[in-house]
Each structure stands twice: as structure tokens, then as C-alpha cells.
Amino acid sequence: MIFISNTISLDDDEIDISAIRAQGSGGQNVNKVSSAIHLRFDINASSLSDFQKQLLLESKDSRLTKEGVLIIKAQQFRTQEKNKLDAFERLQQFILDATYISKTRRPTKPSKSAKRKRTDQKKQRGTTKSLRGKVDF
């Protein structure tokens, strides 16, 4: 069981994890050891609610395929265990970001005192500018 948040959790069988060889530099270790992790998460076949699935599928993430499968490749660390933890954290962050619903903004009006202060400052600024003009004797 993988806990994403207080309300969201996933079963272990919903996530497909496979070890692959990492790319890039690293010498013999990269050539011999399969330390990178390929995580596949099928959103349509998951136990999430329909609303959460819809939010995840509408995400503009490049790791999401047309079939609704999220593919995460973790190869940052040298060990397979750290890469597995990194892949789970990235999956958790993806789900949290996609299912977060921001509060709707309620438009507010300035108070009467704020309006009065603003007009008083404008009048003060206007009188200051008018006093800079030429003086007639």
C-alpha cells in the first residue's frame, strides 16, 4: 500500500516497477548493474475516483502517454533502492499536484477609509504640484 495523502492511497499491484540499466557516465557500474527504475502507473486501471482520474488525465505532463499511462524513469542515484524511493516520491508529487484544487478567488472591495485615504493623498499630491508653479507678484 502506497500512501499519497490522507485521502489517496494506491495498491502495490497498480504500479509496475522494473529495473533497467542507467544511461550516461558511471563506468563499469553502469554497464553491469541495473540500478535505474522504470515506473509505470496506469491511471485508468487505478483505484482512484473518477474525478481524480480525470484530473490526472487532463494534466499536460510529458511523462503521460496517450493511453493514460504515467512513465517515470529514475536514474539519479547509484543504488536501486534510492532510485525506487525517488520514483515513488515523483509519483506522489505528480498525483498531489494534479489533484490539488485551489480556492476560488472572491473579489473584494476597498473599504471607505481606504478610498478616503487615497483621495486625500491625491489631493495632497495635487496641491504640492500646484505650488511648484510660477509665482505672480
C-alpha atoms as a PDB file:
ATOM      1  CA  MET A   1       0.000   0.000   0.000  1.00  0.00           C
ATOM      2  CA  ILE A   2       1.397   3.369  -1.063  1.00  0.00           C
ATOM      3  CA  PHE A   3       0.027   6.398   0.752  1.00  0.00           C
ATOM      4  CA  ILE A   4      -0.122   9.555  -1.356  1.00  0.00           C
ATOM      5  CA  SER A   5      -2.073  11.721   1.102  1.00  0.00           C
ATOM      6  CA  ASN A   6      -4.604  11.292   3.893  1.00  0.00           C
ATOM      7  CA  THR A   7      -7.354  10.525   1.398  1.00  0.00           C
ATOM      8  CA  ILE A   8      -5.438   8.947  -1.503  1.00  0.00           C
ATOM      9  CA  SER A   9      -3.674   5.586  -1.404  1.00  0.00           C
ATOM     10  CA  LEU A  10      -2.660   3.090  -4.080  1.00  0.00           C
ATOM     11  CA  ASP A  11      -2.256  -0.675  -4.016  1.00  0.00           C
ATOM     12  CA  ASP A  12       1.144  -2.138  -4.829  1.00  0.00           C
ATOM     13  CA  ASP A  13      -0.212  -4.079  -7.809  1.00  0.00           C
ATOM     14  CA  GLU A  14      -1.360  -0.857  -9.525  1.00  0.00           C
ATOM     15  CA  ILE A  15       2.256   0.210 -10.058  1.00  0.00           C
ATOM     16  CA  ASP A  16       4.594  -1.674 -12.359  1.00  0.00           C
ATOM     17  CA  ILE A  17       8.273  -1.338 -11.431  1.00  0.00           C
ATOM     18  CA  SER A  18      11.145  -2.699 -13.471  1.00  0.00           C
ATOM     19  CA  ALA A  19      14.891  -2.274 -13.093  1.00  0.00           C
ATOM     20  CA  ILE A  20      16.823  -1.157 -16.153  1.00  0.00           C
ATOM     21  CA  ARG A  21      20.359  -0.097 -16.848  1.00  0.00           C
ATOM     22  CA  ALA A  22      21.024   3.581 -16.294  1.00  0.00           C
ATOM     23  CA  GLN A  23      22.256   5.845 -19.057  1.00  0.00           C
ATOM     24  CA  GLY A  24      25.190   8.200 -19.011  1.00  0.00           C
ATOM     25  CA  SER A  25      28.579   8.155 -17.377  1.00  0.00           C
ATOM     26  CA  GLY A  26      29.459   5.916 -14.474  1.00  0.00           C
ATOM     27  CA  GLY A  27      31.965   3.469 -15.840  1.00  0.00           C
ATOM     28  CA  GLN A  28      31.684  -0.246 -15.291  1.00  0.00           C
ATOM     29  CA  ASN A  29      28.951   0.099 -12.659  1.00  0.00           C
ATOM     30  CA  VAL A  30      26.509   1.465 -15.237  1.00  0.00           C
ATOM     31  CA  ASN A  31      27.356  -1.288 -17.697  1.00  0.00           C
ATOM     32  CA  LYS A  32      26.948  -4.136 -15.185  1.00  0.00           C
ATOM     33  CA  VAL A  33      24.210  -3.126 -12.736  1.00  0.00           C
ATOM     34  CA  SER A  34      20.539  -2.426 -13.434  1.00  0.00           C
ATOM     35  CA  SER A  35      20.158   0.425 -10.981  1.00  0.00           C
ATOM     36  CA  ALA A  36      17.666   2.668 -12.797  1.00  0.00           C
ATOM     37  CA  ILE A  37      13.939   2.256 -12.144  1.00  0.00           C
ATOM     38  CA  HIS A  38      11.178   2.357 -14.749  1.00  0.00           C
ATOM     39  CA  LEU A  39       7.849   3.034 -13.001  1.00  0.00           C
ATOM     40  CA  ARG A  40       4.597   2.659 -14.934  1.00  0.00           C
ATOM     41  CA  PHE A  41       1.266   3.768 -13.466  1.00  0.00           C
ATOM     42  CA  ASP A  42      -1.923   3.135 -15.444  1.00  0.00           C
ATOM     43  CA  ILE A  43      -4.334   5.862 -14.398  1.00  0.00           C
ATOM     44  CA  ASN A  44      -7.431   4.307 -15.995  1.00  0.00           C
ATOM     45  CA  ALA A  45      -6.891   0.962 -14.218  1.00  0.00           C
ATOM     46  CA  SER A  46      -6.153   2.529 -10.820  1.00  0.00           C
ATOM     47  CA  SER A  47      -8.396   2.586  -7.758  1.00  0.00           C
ATOM     48  CA  LEU A  48      -8.670   6.389  -7.767  1.00  0.00           C
ATOM     49  CA  SER A  49     -12.038   8.072  -8.060  1.00  0.00           C
ATOM     50  CA  ASP A  50     -13.311   9.097 -11.484  1.00  0.00           C
ATOM     51  CA  PHE A  51     -12.835  12.779 -10.651  1.00  0.00           C
ATOM     52  CA  GLN A  52      -9.206  12.226  -9.630  1.00  0.00           C
ATOM     53  CA  LYS A  53      -8.575  10.141 -12.751  1.00  0.00           C
ATOM     54  CA  GLN A  54      -9.996  12.947 -14.881  1.00  0.00           C
ATOM     55  CA  LEU A  55      -7.716  15.493 -13.200  1.00  0.00           C
ATOM     56  CA  LEU A  56      -4.667  13.290 -13.736  1.00  0.00           C
ATOM     57  CA  LEU A  57      -5.500  12.605 -17.381  1.00  0.00           C
ATOM     58  CA  GLU A  58      -6.018  16.315 -18.097  1.00  0.00           C
ATOM     59  CA  SER A  59      -2.509  17.049 -16.881  1.00  0.00           C
ATOM     60  CA  LYS A  60      -0.128  18.432 -19.511  1.00  0.00           C
ATOM     61  CA  ASP A  61       2.802  16.358 -18.251  1.00  0.00           C
ATOM     62  CA  SER A  62       5.105  14.957 -20.946  1.00  0.00           C
ATOM     63  CA  ARG A  63       5.529  11.698 -18.988  1.00  0.00           C
ATOM     64  CA  LEU A  64       1.866  10.862 -19.589  1.00  0.00           C
ATOM     65  CA  THR A  65       1.124   8.731 -22.672  1.00  0.00           C
ATOM     66  CA  LYS A  66      -1.996   8.919 -24.838  1.00  0.00           C
ATOM     67  CA  GLU A  67      -3.258   5.681 -23.273  1.00  0.00           C
ATOM     68  CA  GLY A  68      -3.202   7.263 -19.813  1.00  0.00           C
ATOM     69  CA  VAL A  69      -0.041   5.607 -18.506  1.00  0.00           C
ATOM     70  CA  LEU A  70       2.400   7.658 -16.471  1.00  0.00           C
ATOM     71  CA  ILE A  71       6.023   6.630 -17.046  1.00  0.00           C
ATOM     72  CA  ILE A  72       8.681   7.748 -14.584  1.00  0.00           C
ATOM     73  CA  LYS A  73      12.335   6.886 -15.134  1.00  0.00           C
ATOM     74  CA  ALA A  74      14.505   7.339 -12.035  1.00  0.00           C
ATOM     75  CA  GLN A  75      18.249   7.021 -12.542  1.00  0.00           C
ATOM     76  CA  GLN A  76      19.655   9.842 -10.454  1.00  0.00           C
ATOM     77  CA  PHE A  77      21.171   7.700  -7.715  1.00  0.00           C
ATOM     78  CA  ARG A  78      23.701   4.875  -7.776  1.00  0.00           C
ATOM     79  CA  THR A  79      21.586   2.324  -5.906  1.00  0.00           C
ATOM     80  CA  GLN A  80      18.335   0.740  -6.989  1.00  0.00           C
ATOM     81  CA  GLU A  81      16.666   1.374  -3.608  1.00  0.00           C
ATOM     82  CA  LYS A  82      17.272   5.136  -3.735  1.00  0.00           C
ATOM     83  CA  ASN A  83      16.035   5.287  -7.318  1.00  0.00           C
ATOM     84  CA  LYS A  84      12.905   3.377  -6.312  1.00  0.00           C
ATOM     85  CA  LEU A  85      12.221   5.851  -3.492  1.00  0.00           C
ATOM     86  CA  ASP A  86      12.838   8.734  -5.886  1.00  0.00           C
ATOM     87  CA  ALA A  87      10.350   7.284  -8.393  1.00  0.00           C
ATOM     88  CA  PHE A  88       7.695   6.864  -5.675  1.00  0.00           C
ATOM     89  CA  GLU A  89       8.239  10.440  -4.474  1.00  0.00           C
ATOM     90  CA  ARG A  90       7.893  11.765  -8.007  1.00  0.00           C
ATOM     91  CA  LEU A  91       4.691   9.751  -8.493  1.00  0.00           C
ATOM     92  CA  GLN A  92       3.337  11.101  -5.224  1.00  0.00           C
ATOM     93  CA  GLN A  93       4.204  14.685  -6.217  1.00  0.00           C
ATOM     94  CA  PHE A  94       2.576  14.243  -9.637  1.00  0.00           C
ATOM     95  CA  ILE A  95      -0.670  12.990  -8.097  1.00  0.00           C
ATOM     96  CA  LEU A  96      -0.703  15.702  -5.429  1.00  0.00           C
ATOM     97  CA  ASP A  97      -0.055  18.470  -7.959  1.00  0.00           C
ATOM     98  CA  ALA A  98      -2.701  17.223 -10.380  1.00  0.00           C
ATOM     99  CA  THR A  99      -5.416  16.695  -7.752  1.00  0.00           C
ATOM    100  CA  TYR A 100      -4.844  19.983  -5.909  1.00  0.00           C
ATOM    101  CA  ILE A 101      -7.799  22.325  -6.332  1.00  0.00           C
ATOM    102  CA  SER A 102      -7.079  25.946  -5.496  1.00  0.00           C
ATOM    103  CA  LYS A 103      -9.607  28.071  -3.674  1.00  0.00           C
ATOM    104  CA  THR A 104     -11.811  30.273  -5.797  1.00  0.00           C
ATOM    105  CA  ARG A 105     -10.988  33.948  -5.513  1.00  0.00           C
ATOM    106  CA  ARG A 106     -13.685  36.122  -4.002  1.00  0.00           C
ATOM    107  CA  PRO A 107     -13.440  39.668  -5.310  1.00  0.00           C
ATOM    108  CA  THR A 108     -13.204  42.263  -2.558  1.00  0.00           C
ATOM    109  CA  LYS A 109     -13.893  45.985  -2.467  1.00  0.00           C
ATOM    110  CA  PRO A 110     -11.711  48.603  -0.799  1.00  0.00           C
ATOM    111  CA  SER A 111     -13.091  49.972   2.463  1.00  0.00           C
ATOM    112  CA  LYS A 112     -14.436  53.512   2.811  1.00  0.00           C
ATOM    113  CA  SER A 113     -11.439  54.589   4.845  1.00  0.00           C
ATOM    114  CA  ALA A 114      -9.067  53.221   2.195  1.00  0.00           C
ATOM    115  CA  LYS A 115     -10.922  55.192  -0.502  1.00  0.00           C
ATOM    116  CA  ARG A 116     -10.816  58.348   1.651  1.00  0.00           C
ATOM    117  CA  LYS A 117      -7.072  57.948   2.312  1.00  0.00           C
ATOM    118  CA  ARG A 118      -6.444  57.509  -1.397  1.00  0.00           C
ATOM    119  CA  THR A 119      -8.360  60.646  -2.372  1.00  0.00           C
ATOM    120  CA  ASP A 120      -6.684  62.644   0.418  1.00  0.00           C
ATOM    121  CA  GLN A 121      -3.255  61.563  -0.832  1.00  0.00           C
ATOM    122  CA  LYS A 122      -4.219  62.526  -4.390  1.00  0.00           C
ATOM    123  CA  LYS A 123      -5.370  65.958  -3.215  1.00  0.00           C
ATOM    124  CA  GLN A 124      -2.176  66.448  -1.210  1.00  0.00           C
ATOM    125  CA  ARG A 125      -0.051  65.473  -4.197  1.00  0.00           C
ATOM    126  CA  GLY A 126      -2.060  67.844  -6.450  1.00  0.00           C
ATOM    127  CA  THR A 127      -1.579  70.803  -4.087  1.00  0.00           C
ATOM    128  CA  THR A 128       2.147  70.044  -3.849  1.00  0.00           C
ATOM    129  CA  LYS A 129       2.419  70.089  -7.639  1.00  0.00           C
ATOM    130  CA  SER A 130       0.333  73.255  -7.991  1.00  0.00           C
ATOM    131  CA  LEU A 131       2.597  75.083  -5.516  1.00  0.00           C
ATOM    132  CA  ARG A 132       5.584  74.371  -7.776  1.00  0.00           C
ATOM    133  CA  GLY A 133       4.222  76.675 -10.464  1.00  0.00           C
ATOM    134  CA  LYS A 134       5.309  80.260 -11.239  1.00  0.00           C
ATOM    135  CA  VAL A 135       4.715  82.866  -8.579  1.00  0.00           C
ATOM    136  CA  ASP A 136       2.898  86.097  -9.639  1.00  0.00           C
ATOM    137  CA  PHE A 137       3.608  89.273  -7.593  1.00  0.00           C
END
